[in-house]
Amino acid sequence: MLRFLIKVLVLIGVLFIGILIGFQEANSGLNRLKGSTNYSSFQKVVSIGENDNGDYETVVIGNRVSSHNLDEKKKVLEKMNTYNFFTDVAKKLSTLISSIFSGFFSMFSSPN
């Protein structure tokens, strides 16, 4: 039994070291893929700042996103009026479960 325990602990240690080596290799591979080891030169994915007019503007991966674009997209989404079957089923299921448990707990909490 002791030999088995030692073998298992050694195996866990070897696998853990392998995971750490894998993390290090993935990190160096991503750095090589980016083409630089200088982290300060990396481009920000999302930046938020004020423009000349004093309005806030957002830049996502080099593309400017204004609130005007967001308002148009919101209007388009409202016009689509899509129906999601799974969302509807989940809402009904959560209502059913909530009513069952509230009835169950109220049955035991009310004094007779």
PDB file of N, CA and C in Angstrom:
ATOM      1  N   MET A   1       0.823  -1.193   0.000  1.00  0.00           N
ATOM      2  CA  MET A   1       0.000   0.000   0.000  1.00  0.00           C
ATOM      3  C   MET A   1       0.862   1.250   0.000  1.00  0.00           C
ATOM      4  N   LEU A   2       1.952   1.234   0.744  1.00  0.00           N
ATOM      5  CA  LEU A   2       2.849   2.372   0.810  1.00  0.00           C
ATOM      6  C   LEU A   2       3.522   2.603  -0.541  1.00  0.00           C
ATOM      7  N   ARG A   3       3.901   1.509  -1.217  1.00  0.00           N
ATOM      8  CA  ARG A   3       4.528   1.643  -2.539  1.00  0.00           C
ATOM      9  C   ARG A   3       3.547   2.277  -3.532  1.00  0.00           C
ATOM     10  N   PHE A   4       2.282   1.881  -3.467  1.00  0.00           N
ATOM     11  CA  PHE A   4       1.266   2.446  -4.349  1.00  0.00           C
ATOM     12  C   PHE A   4       1.108   3.947  -4.099  1.00  0.00           C
ATOM     13  N   LEU A   5       1.061   4.335  -2.835  1.00  0.00           N
ATOM     14  CA  LEU A   5       0.917   5.742  -2.479  1.00  0.00           C
ATOM     15  C   LEU A   5       2.105   6.557  -2.989  1.00  0.00           C
ATOM     16  N   ILE A   6       3.306   6.020  -2.839  1.00  0.00           N
ATOM     17  CA  ILE A   6       4.503   6.715  -3.329  1.00  0.00           C
ATOM     18  C   ILE A   6       4.454   6.859  -4.847  1.00  0.00           C
ATOM     19  N   LYS A   7       4.041   5.804  -5.551  1.00  0.00           N
ATOM     20  CA  LYS A   7       3.950   5.860  -7.007  1.00  0.00           C
ATOM     21  C   LYS A   7       2.932   6.909  -7.449  1.00  0.00           C
ATOM     22  N   VAL A   8       1.798   6.969  -6.767  1.00  0.00           N
ATOM     23  CA  VAL A   8       0.767   7.943  -7.118  1.00  0.00           C
ATOM     24  C   VAL A   8       1.266   9.361  -6.875  1.00  0.00           C
ATOM     25  N   LEU A   9       1.932   9.597  -5.746  1.00  0.00           N
ATOM     26  CA  LEU A   9       2.458  10.929  -5.453  1.00  0.00           C
ATOM     27  C   LEU A   9       3.536  11.340  -6.452  1.00  0.00           C
ATOM     28  N   VAL A  10       4.397  10.423  -6.847  1.00  0.00           N
ATOM     29  CA  VAL A  10       5.417  10.727  -7.859  1.00  0.00           C
ATOM     30  C   VAL A  10       4.749  11.042  -9.191  1.00  0.00           C
ATOM     31  N   LEU A  11       3.741  10.277  -9.558  1.00  0.00           N
ATOM     32  CA  LEU A  11       3.031  10.520 -10.806  1.00  0.00           C
ATOM     33  C   LEU A  11       2.341  11.880 -10.788  1.00  0.00           C
ATOM     34  N   ILE A  12       1.710  12.235  -9.691  1.00  0.00           N
ATOM     35  CA  ILE A  12       1.070  13.545  -9.572  1.00  0.00           C
ATOM     36  C   ILE A  12       2.111  14.654  -9.685  1.00  0.00           C
ATOM     37  N   GLY A  13       3.269  14.468  -9.058  1.00  0.00           N
ATOM     38  CA  GLY A  13       4.337  15.462  -9.141  1.00  0.00           C
ATOM     39  C   GLY A  13       4.842  15.634 -10.562  1.00  0.00           C
ATOM     40  N   VAL A  14       5.025  14.532 -11.279  1.00  0.00           N
ATOM     41  CA  VAL A  14       5.499  14.606 -12.666  1.00  0.00           C
ATOM     42  C   VAL A  14       4.470  15.298 -13.544  1.00  0.00           C
ATOM     43  N   LEU A  15       3.205  14.978 -13.371  1.00  0.00           N
ATOM     44  CA  LEU A  15       2.157  15.625 -14.163  1.00  0.00           C
ATOM     45  C   LEU A  15       2.054  17.116 -13.850  1.00  0.00           C
ATOM     46  N   PHE A  16       2.220  17.474 -12.588  1.00  0.00           N
ATOM     47  CA  PHE A  16       2.173  18.890 -12.206  1.00  0.00           C
ATOM     48  C   PHE A  16       3.321  19.661 -12.835  1.00  0.00           C
ATOM     49  N   ILE A  17       4.507  19.082 -12.818  1.00  0.00           N
ATOM     50  CA  ILE A  17       5.657  19.724 -13.455  1.00  0.00           C
ATOM     51  C   ILE A  17       5.420  19.836 -14.963  1.00  0.00           C
ATOM     52  N   GLY A  18       4.809  18.827 -15.559  1.00  0.00           N
ATOM     53  CA  GLY A  18       4.482  18.891 -16.982  1.00  0.00           C
ATOM     54  C   GLY A  18       3.513  20.007 -17.300  1.00  0.00           C
ATOM     55  N   ILE A  19       2.547  20.227 -16.434  1.00  0.00           N
ATOM     56  CA  ILE A  19       1.590  21.317 -16.627  1.00  0.00           C
ATOM     57  C   ILE A  19       2.302  22.665 -16.553  1.00  0.00           C
ATOM     58  N   LEU A  20       3.204  22.828 -15.586  1.00  0.00           N
ATOM     59  CA  LEU A  20       3.944  24.080 -15.470  1.00  0.00           C
ATOM     60  C   LEU A  20       4.814  24.328 -16.702  1.00  0.00           C
ATOM     61  N   ILE A  21       5.466  23.283 -17.202  1.00  0.00           N
ATOM     62  CA  ILE A  21       6.278  23.415 -18.413  1.00  0.00           C
ATOM     63  C   ILE A  21       5.387  23.774 -19.596  1.00  0.00           C
ATOM     64  N   GLY A  22       4.206  23.182 -19.677  1.00  0.00           N
ATOM     65  CA  GLY A  22       3.276  23.502 -20.746  1.00  0.00           C
ATOM     66  C   GLY A  22       2.826  24.946 -20.704  1.00  0.00           C
ATOM     67  N   PHE A  23       2.560  25.484 -19.525  1.00  0.00           N
ATOM     68  CA  PHE A  23       2.202  26.893 -19.384  1.00  0.00           C
ATOM     69  C   PHE A  23       3.329  27.791 -19.888  1.00  0.00           C
ATOM     70  N   GLN A  24       4.560  27.445 -19.508  1.00  0.00           N
ATOM     71  CA  GLN A  24       5.702  28.246 -19.926  1.00  0.00           C
ATOM     72  C   GLN A  24       5.878  28.205 -21.441  1.00  0.00           C
ATOM     73  N   GLU A  25       5.718  27.035 -22.043  1.00  0.00           N
ATOM     74  CA  GLU A  25       5.843  26.901 -23.497  1.00  0.00           C
ATOM     75  C   GLU A  25       4.732  27.667 -24.222  1.00  0.00           C
ATOM     76  N   ALA A  26       3.520  27.621 -23.689  1.00  0.00           N
ATOM     77  CA  ALA A  26       2.421  28.365 -24.297  1.00  0.00           C
ATOM     78  C   ALA A  26       2.686  29.861 -24.228  1.00  0.00           C
ATOM     79  N   ASN A  27       3.213  30.328 -23.110  1.00  0.00           N
ATOM     80  CA  ASN A  27       3.527  31.743 -22.953  1.00  0.00           C
ATOM     81  C   ASN A  27       4.601  32.168 -23.948  1.00  0.00           C
ATOM     82  N   SER A  28       5.665  31.407 -24.061  1.00  0.00           N
ATOM     83  CA  SER A  28       6.722  31.784 -24.999  1.00  0.00           C
ATOM     84  C   SER A  28       6.234  31.671 -26.448  1.00  0.00           C
ATOM     85  N   GLY A  29       5.364  30.696 -26.737  1.00  0.00           N
ATOM     86  CA  GLY A  29       4.804  30.568 -28.080  1.00  0.00           C
ATOM     87  C   GLY A  29       3.942  31.759 -28.445  1.00  0.00           C
ATOM     88  N   LEU A  30       3.137  32.238 -27.502  1.00  0.00           N
ATOM     89  CA  LEU A  30       2.319  33.427 -27.750  1.00  0.00           C
ATOM     90  C   LEU A  30       3.189  34.658 -27.961  1.00  0.00           C
ATOM     91  N   ASN A  31       4.277  34.761 -27.207  1.00  0.00           N
ATOM     92  CA  ASN A  31       5.181  35.894 -27.403  1.00  0.00           C
ATOM     93  C   ASN A  31       5.832  35.838 -28.784  1.00  0.00           C
ATOM     94  N   ARG A  32       6.235  34.638 -29.222  1.00  0.00           N
ATOM     95  CA  ARG A  32       6.819  34.503 -30.552  1.00  0.00           C
ATOM     96  C   ARG A  32       5.782  34.799 -31.624  1.00  0.00           C
ATOM     97  N   LEU A  33       4.536  34.397 -31.394  1.00  0.00           N
ATOM     98  CA  LEU A  33       3.473  34.652 -32.353  1.00  0.00           C
ATOM     99  C   LEU A  33       3.211  36.155 -32.477  1.00  0.00           C
ATOM    100  N   LYS A  34       3.263  36.850 -31.382  1.00  0.00           N
ATOM    101  CA  LYS A  34       3.068  38.293 -31.392  1.00  0.00           C
ATOM    102  C   LYS A  34       4.256  38.986 -32.051  1.00  0.00           C
ATOM    103  N   GLY A  35       5.419  38.369 -31.996  1.00  0.00           N
ATOM    104  CA  GLY A  35       6.596  38.913 -32.661  1.00  0.00           C
ATOM    105  C   GLY A  35       7.408  39.847 -31.802  1.00  0.00           C
ATOM    106  N   SER A  36       7.129  39.901 -30.528  1.00  0.00           N
ATOM    107  CA  SER A  36       7.868  40.812 -29.668  1.00  0.00           C
ATOM    108  C   SER A  36       7.872  40.275 -28.252  1.00  0.00           C
ATOM    109  N   THR A  37       8.952  40.561 -27.557  1.00  0.00           N
ATOM    110  CA  THR A  37       8.998  40.224 -26.131  1.00  0.00           C
ATOM    111  C   THR A  37       8.862  41.485 -25.288  1.00  0.00           C
ATOM    112  N   ASN A  38       8.704  42.629 -25.946  1.00  0.00           N
ATOM    113  CA  ASN A  38       8.524  43.893 -25.261  1.00  0.00           C
ATOM    114  C   ASN A  38       7.032  44.089 -24.992  1.00  0.00           C
ATOM    115  N   TYR A  39       6.627  43.902 -23.753  1.00  0.00           N
ATOM    116  CA  TYR A  39       5.209  43.947 -23.419  1.00  0.00           C
ATOM    117  C   TYR A  39       4.627  45.349 -23.500  1.00  0.00           C
ATOM    118  N   SER A  40       5.446  46.381 -23.391  1.00  0.00           N
ATOM    119  CA  SER A  40       4.923  47.745 -23.427  1.00  0.00           C
ATOM    120  C   SER A  40       4.478  48.145 -24.828  1.00  0.00           C
ATOM    121  N   SER A  41       4.933  47.416 -25.866  1.00  0.00           N
ATOM    122  CA  SER A  41       4.551  47.775 -27.236  1.00  0.00           C
ATOM    123  C   SER A  41       3.261  47.098 -27.678  1.00  0.00           C
ATOM    124  N   PHE A  42       2.665  46.275 -26.825  1.00  0.00           N
ATOM    125  CA  PHE A  42       1.426  45.599 -27.211  1.00  0.00           C
ATOM    126  C   PHE A  42       0.297  46.612 -27.334  1.00  0.00           C
ATOM    127  N   GLN A  43      -0.531  46.415 -28.340  1.00  0.00           N
ATOM    128  CA  GLN A  43      -1.657  47.313 -28.573  1.00  0.00           C
ATOM    129  C   GLN A  43      -2.795  46.950 -27.617  1.00  0.00           C
ATOM    130  N   LYS A  44      -3.452  47.967 -27.094  1.00  0.00           N
ATOM    131  CA  LYS A  44      -4.598  47.724 -26.228  1.00  0.00           C
ATOM    132  C   LYS A  44      -5.767  47.238 -27.068  1.00  0.00           C
ATOM    133  N   VAL A  45      -6.519  46.313 -26.537  1.00  0.00           N
ATOM    134  CA  VAL A  45      -7.673  45.794 -27.250  1.00  0.00           C
ATOM    135  C   VAL A  45      -8.814  46.802 -27.194  1.00  0.00           C
ATOM    136  N   VAL A  46      -9.061  47.357 -26.022  1.00  0.00           N
ATOM    137  CA  VAL A  46     -10.139  48.331 -25.840  1.00  0.00           C
ATOM    138  C   VAL A  46      -9.556  49.550 -25.143  1.00  0.00           C
ATOM    139  N   SER A  47      -9.843  50.723 -25.711  1.00  0.00           N
ATOM    140  CA  SER A  47      -9.442  51.955 -25.031  1.00  0.00           C
ATOM    141  C   SER A  47     -10.618  52.926 -25.064  1.00  0.00           C
ATOM    142  N   ILE A  48     -10.809  53.599 -23.948  1.00  0.00           N
ATOM    143  CA  ILE A  48     -11.907  54.550 -23.800  1.00  0.00           C
ATOM    144  C   ILE A  48     -11.298  55.901 -23.454  1.00  0.00           C
ATOM    145  N   GLY A  49     -11.715  56.935 -24.164  1.00  0.00           N
ATOM    146  CA  GLY A  49     -11.190  58.270 -23.900  1.00  0.00           C
ATOM    147  C   GLY A  49     -12.137  59.330 -24.426  1.00  0.00           C
ATOM    148  N   GLU A  50     -11.781  60.589 -24.162  1.00  0.00           N
ATOM    149  CA  GLU A  50     -12.601  61.697 -24.620  1.00  0.00           C
ATOM    150  C   GLU A  50     -12.061  62.216 -25.944  1.00  0.00           C
ATOM    151  N   ASN A  51     -12.966  62.594 -26.840  1.00  0.00           N
ATOM    152  CA  ASN A  51     -12.535  63.193 -28.099  1.00  0.00           C
ATOM    153  C   ASN A  51     -12.515  64.706 -27.961  1.00  0.00           C
ATOM    154  N   ASP A  52     -12.340  65.421 -29.072  1.00  0.00           N
ATOM    155  CA  ASP A  52     -12.231  66.884 -29.042  1.00  0.00           C
ATOM    156  C   ASP A  52     -13.513  67.576 -28.575  1.00  0.00           C
ATOM    157  N   ASN A  53     -14.658  66.958 -28.825  1.00  0.00           N
ATOM    158  CA  ASN A  53     -15.940  67.537 -28.441  1.00  0.00           C
ATOM    159  C   ASN A  53     -16.275  67.327 -26.976  1.00  0.00           C
ATOM    160  N   GLY A  54     -15.476  66.545 -26.270  1.00  0.00           N
ATOM    161  CA  GLY A  54     -15.762  66.239 -24.873  1.00  0.00           C
ATOM    162  C   GLY A  54     -16.609  64.997 -24.700  1.00  0.00           C
ATOM    163  N   ASP A  55     -16.970  64.343 -25.821  1.00  0.00           N
ATOM    164  CA  ASP A  55     -17.730  63.094 -25.756  1.00  0.00           C
ATOM    165  C   ASP A  55     -16.765  61.930 -25.571  1.00  0.00           C
ATOM    166  N   TYR A  56     -17.272  60.891 -24.944  1.00  0.00           N
ATOM    167  CA  TYR A  56     -16.463  59.695 -24.796  1.00  0.00           C
ATOM    168  C   TYR A  56     -16.505  58.885 -26.083  1.00  0.00           C
ATOM    169  N   GLU A  57     -15.359  58.329 -26.438  1.00  0.00           N
ATOM    170  CA  GLU A  57     -15.320  57.452 -27.601  1.00  0.00           C
ATOM    171  C   GLU A  57     -14.555  56.189 -27.228  1.00  0.00           C
ATOM    172  N   THR A  58     -14.936  55.108 -27.852  1.00  0.00           N
ATOM    173  CA  THR A  58     -14.337  53.814 -27.577  1.00  0.00           C
ATOM    174  C   THR A  58     -13.670  53.298 -28.837  1.00  0.00           C
ATOM    175  N   VAL A  59     -12.480  52.751 -28.674  1.00  0.00           N
ATOM    176  CA  VAL A  59     -11.761  52.145 -29.788  1.00  0.00           C
ATOM    177  C   VAL A  59     -11.562  50.673 -29.446  1.00  0.00           C
ATOM    178  N   VAL A  60     -12.109  49.793 -30.289  1.00  0.00           N
ATOM    179  CA  VAL A  60     -12.000  48.356 -30.087  1.00  0.00           C
ATOM    180  C   VAL A  60     -11.181  47.794 -31.244  1.00  0.00           C
ATOM    181  N   ILE A  61      -9.997  47.310 -30.938  1.00  0.00           N
ATOM    182  CA  ILE A  61      -9.055  46.738 -31.902  1.00  0.00           C
ATOM    183  C   ILE A  61      -8.884  47.680 -33.098  1.00  0.00           C
ATOM    184  N   GLY A  62      -8.695  48.946 -32.816  1.00  0.00           N
ATOM    185  CA  GLY A  62      -8.434  49.920 -33.864  1.00  0.00           C
ATOM    186  C   GLY A  62      -9.670  50.493 -34.533  1.00  0.00           C
ATOM    187  N   ASN A  63     -10.853  49.975 -34.258  1.00  0.00           N
ATOM    188  CA  ASN A  63     -12.090  50.479 -34.857  1.00  0.00           C
ATOM    189  C   ASN A  63     -12.823  51.362 -33.854  1.00  0.00           C
ATOM    190  N   ARG A  64     -13.176  52.554 -34.297  1.00  0.00           N
ATOM    191  CA  ARG A  64     -13.889  53.470 -33.406  1.00  0.00           C
ATOM    192  C   ARG A  64     -15.357  53.076 -33.307  1.00  0.00           C
ATOM    193  N   VAL A  65     -15.859  53.090 -32.085  1.00  0.00           N
ATOM    194  CA  VAL A  65     -17.264  52.780 -31.828  1.00  0.00           C
ATOM    195  C   VAL A  65     -17.862  53.998 -31.147  1.00  0.00           C
ATOM    196  N   SER A  66     -18.888  54.556 -31.755  1.00  0.00           N
ATOM    197  CA  SER A  66     -19.533  55.722 -31.155  1.00  0.00           C
ATOM    198  C   SER A  66     -20.893  55.315 -30.614  1.00  0.00           C
ATOM    199  N   SER A  67     -21.452  56.166 -29.774  1.00  0.00           N
ATOM    200  CA  SER A  67     -22.773  55.869 -29.216  1.00  0.00           C
ATOM    201  C   SER A  67     -23.831  55.915 -30.308  1.00  0.00           C
ATOM    202  N   HIS A  68     -23.573  56.668 -31.376  1.00  0.00           N
ATOM    203  CA  HIS A  68     -24.513  56.718 -32.502  1.00  0.00           C
ATOM    204  C   HIS A  68     -24.638  55.337 -33.128  1.00  0.00           C
ATOM    205  N   ASN A  69     -23.516  54.648 -33.324  1.00  0.00           N
ATOM    206  CA  ASN A  69     -23.551  53.296 -33.880  1.00  0.00           C
ATOM    207  C   ASN A  69     -24.299  52.343 -32.949  1.00  0.00           C
ATOM    208  N   LEU A  70     -24.094  52.517 -31.658  1.00  0.00           N
ATOM    209  CA  LEU A  70     -24.760  51.636 -30.699  1.00  0.00           C
ATOM    210  C   LEU A  70     -26.263  51.860 -30.698  1.00  0.00           C
ATOM    211  N   ASP A  71     -26.697  53.122 -30.831  1.00  0.00           N
ATOM    212  CA  ASP A  71     -28.128  53.399 -30.880  1.00  0.00           C
ATOM    213  C   ASP A  71     -28.773  52.783 -32.113  1.00  0.00           C
ATOM    214  N   GLU A  72     -28.071  52.862 -33.249  1.00  0.00           N
ATOM    215  CA  GLU A  72     -28.605  52.243 -34.466  1.00  0.00           C
ATOM    216  C   GLU A  72     -28.725  50.730 -34.300  1.00  0.00           C
ATOM    217  N   LYS A  73     -27.712  50.121 -33.717  1.00  0.00           N
ATOM    218  CA  LYS A  73     -27.752  48.674 -33.521  1.00  0.00           C
ATOM    219  C   LYS A  73     -28.865  48.278 -32.560  1.00  0.00           C
ATOM    220  N   LYS A  74     -29.090  49.096 -31.537  1.00  0.00           N
ATOM    221  CA  LYS A  74     -30.157  48.808 -30.590  1.00  0.00           C
ATOM    222  C   LYS A  74     -31.517  48.857 -31.277  1.00  0.00           C
ATOM    223  N   LYS A  75     -31.713  49.842 -32.150  1.00  0.00           N
ATOM    224  CA  LYS A  75     -32.974  49.945 -32.883  1.00  0.00           C
ATOM    225  C   LYS A  75     -33.177  48.749 -33.802  1.00  0.00           C
ATOM    226  N   VAL A  76     -32.114  48.323 -34.458  1.00  0.00           N
ATOM    227  CA  VAL A  76     -32.212  47.165 -35.353  1.00  0.00           C
ATOM    228  C   VAL A  76     -32.570  45.917 -34.554  1.00  0.00           C
ATOM    229  N   LEU A  77     -31.959  45.736 -33.389  1.00  0.00           N
ATOM    230  CA  LEU A  77     -32.262  44.568 -32.555  1.00  0.00           C
ATOM    231  C   LEU A  77     -33.700  44.590 -32.045  1.00  0.00           C
ATOM    232  N   GLU A  78     -34.198  45.776 -31.711  1.00  0.00           N
ATOM    233  CA  GLU A  78     -35.578  45.872 -31.248  1.00  0.00           C
ATOM    234  C   GLU A  78     -36.555  45.548 -32.369  1.00  0.00           C
ATOM    235  N   LYS A  79     -36.218  45.931 -33.601  1.00  0.00           N
ATOM    236  CA  LYS A  79     -37.093  45.643 -34.736  1.00  0.00           C
ATOM    237  C   LYS A  79     -37.110  44.158 -35.082  1.00  0.00           C
ATOM    238  N   MET A  80     -36.007  43.466 -34.811  1.00  0.00           N
ATOM    239  CA  MET A  80     -35.927  42.044 -35.162  1.00  0.00           C
ATOM    240  C   MET A  80     -36.930  41.218 -34.361  1.00  0.00           C
ATOM    241  N   ASN A  81     -37.112  41.537 -33.084  1.00  0.00           N
ATOM    242  CA  ASN A  81     -38.084  40.868 -32.224  1.00  0.00           C
ATOM    243  C   ASN A  81     -37.954  39.348 -32.330  1.00  0.00           C
ATOM    244  N   THR A  82     -36.770  38.851 -32.036  1.00  0.00           N
ATOM    245  CA  THR A  82     -36.515  37.408 -32.145  1.00  0.00           C
ATOM    246  C   THR A  82     -37.075  36.669 -30.943  1.00  0.00           C
ATOM    247  N   TYR A  83     -37.289  35.397 -31.120  1.00  0.00           N
ATOM    248  CA  TYR A  83     -37.809  34.532 -30.068  1.00  0.00           C
ATOM    249  C   TYR A  83     -36.804  33.423 -29.823  1.00  0.00           C
ATOM    250  N   ASN A  84     -36.400  33.259 -28.595  1.00  0.00           N
ATOM    251  CA  ASN A  84     -35.457  32.214 -28.241  1.00  0.00           C
ATOM    252  C   ASN A  84     -36.198  31.170 -27.411  1.00  0.00           C
ATOM    253  N   PHE A  85     -36.340  29.988 -27.964  1.00  0.00           N
ATOM    254  CA  PHE A  85     -37.082  28.912 -27.323  1.00  0.00           C
ATOM    255  C   PHE A  85     -36.464  28.524 -25.993  1.00  0.00           C
ATOM    256  N   PHE A  86     -35.130  28.380 -25.976  1.00  0.00           N
ATOM    257  CA  PHE A  86     -34.457  27.922 -24.762  1.00  0.00           C
ATOM    258  C   PHE A  86     -34.557  28.945 -23.637  1.00  0.00           C
ATOM    259  N   THR A  87     -34.522  30.221 -23.954  1.00  0.00           N
ATOM    260  CA  THR A  87     -34.686  31.248 -22.930  1.00  0.00           C
ATOM    261  C   THR A  87     -36.077  31.178 -22.326  1.00  0.00           C
ATOM    262  N   ASP A  88     -37.080  30.983 -23.164  1.00  0.00           N
ATOM    263  CA  ASP A  88     -38.457  30.885 -22.684  1.00  0.00           C
ATOM    264  C   ASP A  88     -38.638  29.663 -21.781  1.00  0.00           C
ATOM    265  N   VAL A  89     -38.082  28.531 -22.190  1.00  0.00           N
ATOM    266  CA  VAL A  89     -38.178  27.314 -21.377  1.00  0.00           C
ATOM    267  C   VAL A  89     -37.458  27.508 -20.049  1.00  0.00           C
ATOM    268  N   ALA A  90     -36.290  28.140 -20.066  1.00  0.00           N
ATOM    269  CA  ALA A  90     -35.535  28.362 -18.830  1.00  0.00           C
ATOM    270  C   ALA A  90     -36.289  29.279 -17.880  1.00  0.00           C
ATOM    271  N   LYS A  91     -36.939  30.309 -18.408  1.00  0.00           N
ATOM    272  CA  LYS A  91     -37.722  31.214 -17.552  1.00  0.00           C
ATOM    273  C   LYS A  91     -38.885  30.484 -16.899  1.00  0.00           C
ATOM    274  N   LYS A  92     -39.593  29.655 -17.679  1.00  0.00           N
ATOM    275  CA  LYS A  92     -40.729  28.915 -17.118  1.00  0.00           C
ATOM    276  C   LYS A  92     -40.264  27.892 -16.093  1.00  0.00           C
ATOM    277  N   LEU A  93     -39.130  27.237 -16.357  1.00  0.00           N
ATOM    278  CA  LEU A  93     -38.592  26.253 -15.433  1.00  0.00           C
ATOM    279  C   LEU A  93     -38.158  26.913 -14.127  1.00  0.00           C
ATOM    280  N   SER A  94     -37.507  28.071 -14.226  1.00  0.00           N
ATOM    281  CA  SER A  94     -37.077  28.754 -13.003  1.00  0.00           C
ATOM    282  C   SER A  94     -38.273  29.238 -12.195  1.00  0.00           C
ATOM    283  N   THR A  95     -39.329  29.686 -12.854  1.00  0.00           N
ATOM    284  CA  THR A  95     -40.540  30.093 -12.142  1.00  0.00           C
ATOM    285  C   THR A  95     -41.176  28.910 -11.436  1.00  0.00           C
ATOM    286  N   LEU A  96     -41.226  27.763 -12.106  1.00  0.00           N
ATOM    287  CA  LEU A  96     -41.791  26.554 -11.512  1.00  0.00           C
ATOM    288  C   LEU A  96     -40.992  26.107 -10.296  1.00  0.00           C
ATOM    289  N   ILE A  97     -39.681  26.069 -10.418  1.00  0.00           N
ATOM    290  CA  ILE A  97     -38.838  25.631  -9.299  1.00  0.00           C
ATOM    291  C   ILE A  97     -38.942  26.597  -8.137  1.00  0.00           C
ATOM    292  N   SER A  98     -38.980  27.903  -8.434  1.00  0.00           N
ATOM    293  CA  SER A  98     -39.110  28.898  -7.357  1.00  0.00           C
ATOM    294  C   SER A  98     -40.427  28.742  -6.620  1.00  0.00           C
ATOM    295  N   SER A  99     -41.512  28.497  -7.349  1.00  0.00           N
ATOM    296  CA  SER A  99     -42.806  28.354  -6.682  1.00  0.00           C
ATOM    297  C   SER A  99     -42.860  27.067  -5.865  1.00  0.00           C
ATOM    298  N   ILE A 100     -42.244  25.996  -6.354  1.00  0.00           N
ATOM    299  CA  ILE A 100     -42.228  24.735  -5.596  1.00  0.00           C
ATOM    300  C   ILE A 100     -41.473  24.916  -4.288  1.00  0.00           C
ATOM    301  N   PHE A 101     -40.274  25.517  -4.350  1.00  0.00           N
ATOM    302  CA  PHE A 101     -39.475  25.667  -3.138  1.00  0.00           C
ATOM    303  C   PHE A 101     -40.082  26.692  -2.188  1.00  0.00           C
ATOM    304  N   SER A 102     -40.679  27.752  -2.711  1.00  0.00           N
ATOM    305  CA  SER A 102     -41.301  28.718  -1.798  1.00  0.00           C
ATOM    306  C   SER A 102     -42.482  28.076  -1.083  1.00  0.00           C
ATOM    307  N   GLY A 103     -43.247  27.255  -1.781  1.00  0.00           N
ATOM    308  CA  GLY A 103     -44.338  26.536  -1.125  1.00  0.00           C
ATOM    309  C   GLY A 103     -43.840  25.520  -0.133  1.00  0.00           C
ATOM    310  N   PHE A 104     -42.747  24.852  -0.470  1.00  0.00           N
ATOM    311  CA  PHE A 104     -42.157  23.844   0.422  1.00  0.00           C
ATOM    312  C   PHE A 104     -41.652  24.477   1.698  1.00  0.00           C
ATOM    313  N   PHE A 105     -40.956  25.600   1.577  1.00  0.00           N
ATOM    314  CA  PHE A 105     -40.413  26.245   2.779  1.00  0.00           C
ATOM    315  C   PHE A 105     -41.494  26.948   3.588  1.00  0.00           C
ATOM    316  N   SER A 106     -42.517  27.459   2.927  1.00  0.00           N
ATOM    317  CA  SER A 106     -43.590  28.113   3.681  1.00  0.00           C
ATOM    318  C   SER A 106     -44.411  27.080   4.457  1.00  0.00           C
ATOM    319  N   MET A 107     -44.440  25.834   3.990  1.00  0.00           N
ATOM    320  CA  MET A 107     -45.165  24.787   4.666  1.00  0.00           C
ATOM    321  C   MET A 107     -44.503  24.457   5.996  1.00  0.00           C
ATOM    322  N   PHE A 108     -43.161  24.502   6.046  1.00  0.00           N
ATOM    323  CA  PHE A 108     -42.450  24.169   7.275  1.00  0.00           C
ATOM    324  C   PHE A 108     -42.220  25.375   8.171  1.00  0.00           C
ATOM    325  N   SER A 109     -42.275  26.569   7.625  1.00  0.00           N
ATOM    326  CA  SER A 109     -41.982  27.744   8.444  1.00  0.00           C
ATOM    327  C   SER A 109     -43.224  28.316   9.122  1.00  0.00           C
ATOM    328  N   SER A 110     -44.430  27.991   8.654  1.00  0.00           N
ATOM    329  CA  SER A 110     -45.628  28.556   9.264  1.00  0.00           C
ATOM    330  C   SER A 110     -45.974  27.782  10.544  1.00  0.00           C
ATOM    331  N   PRO A 111     -46.183  28.503  11.655  1.00  0.00           N
ATOM    332  CA  PRO A 111     -46.532  27.832  12.919  1.00  0.00           C
ATOM    333  C   PRO A 111     -47.982  27.374  12.910  1.00  0.00           C
ATOM    334  N   ASN A 112     -48.241  26.193  13.440  1.00  0.00           N
ATOM    335  CA  ASN A 112     -49.602  25.635  13.516  1.00  0.00           C
ATOM    336  C   ASN A 112     -50.141  25.665  14.908  1.00  0.00           C
TER     337      ASN A 112
END
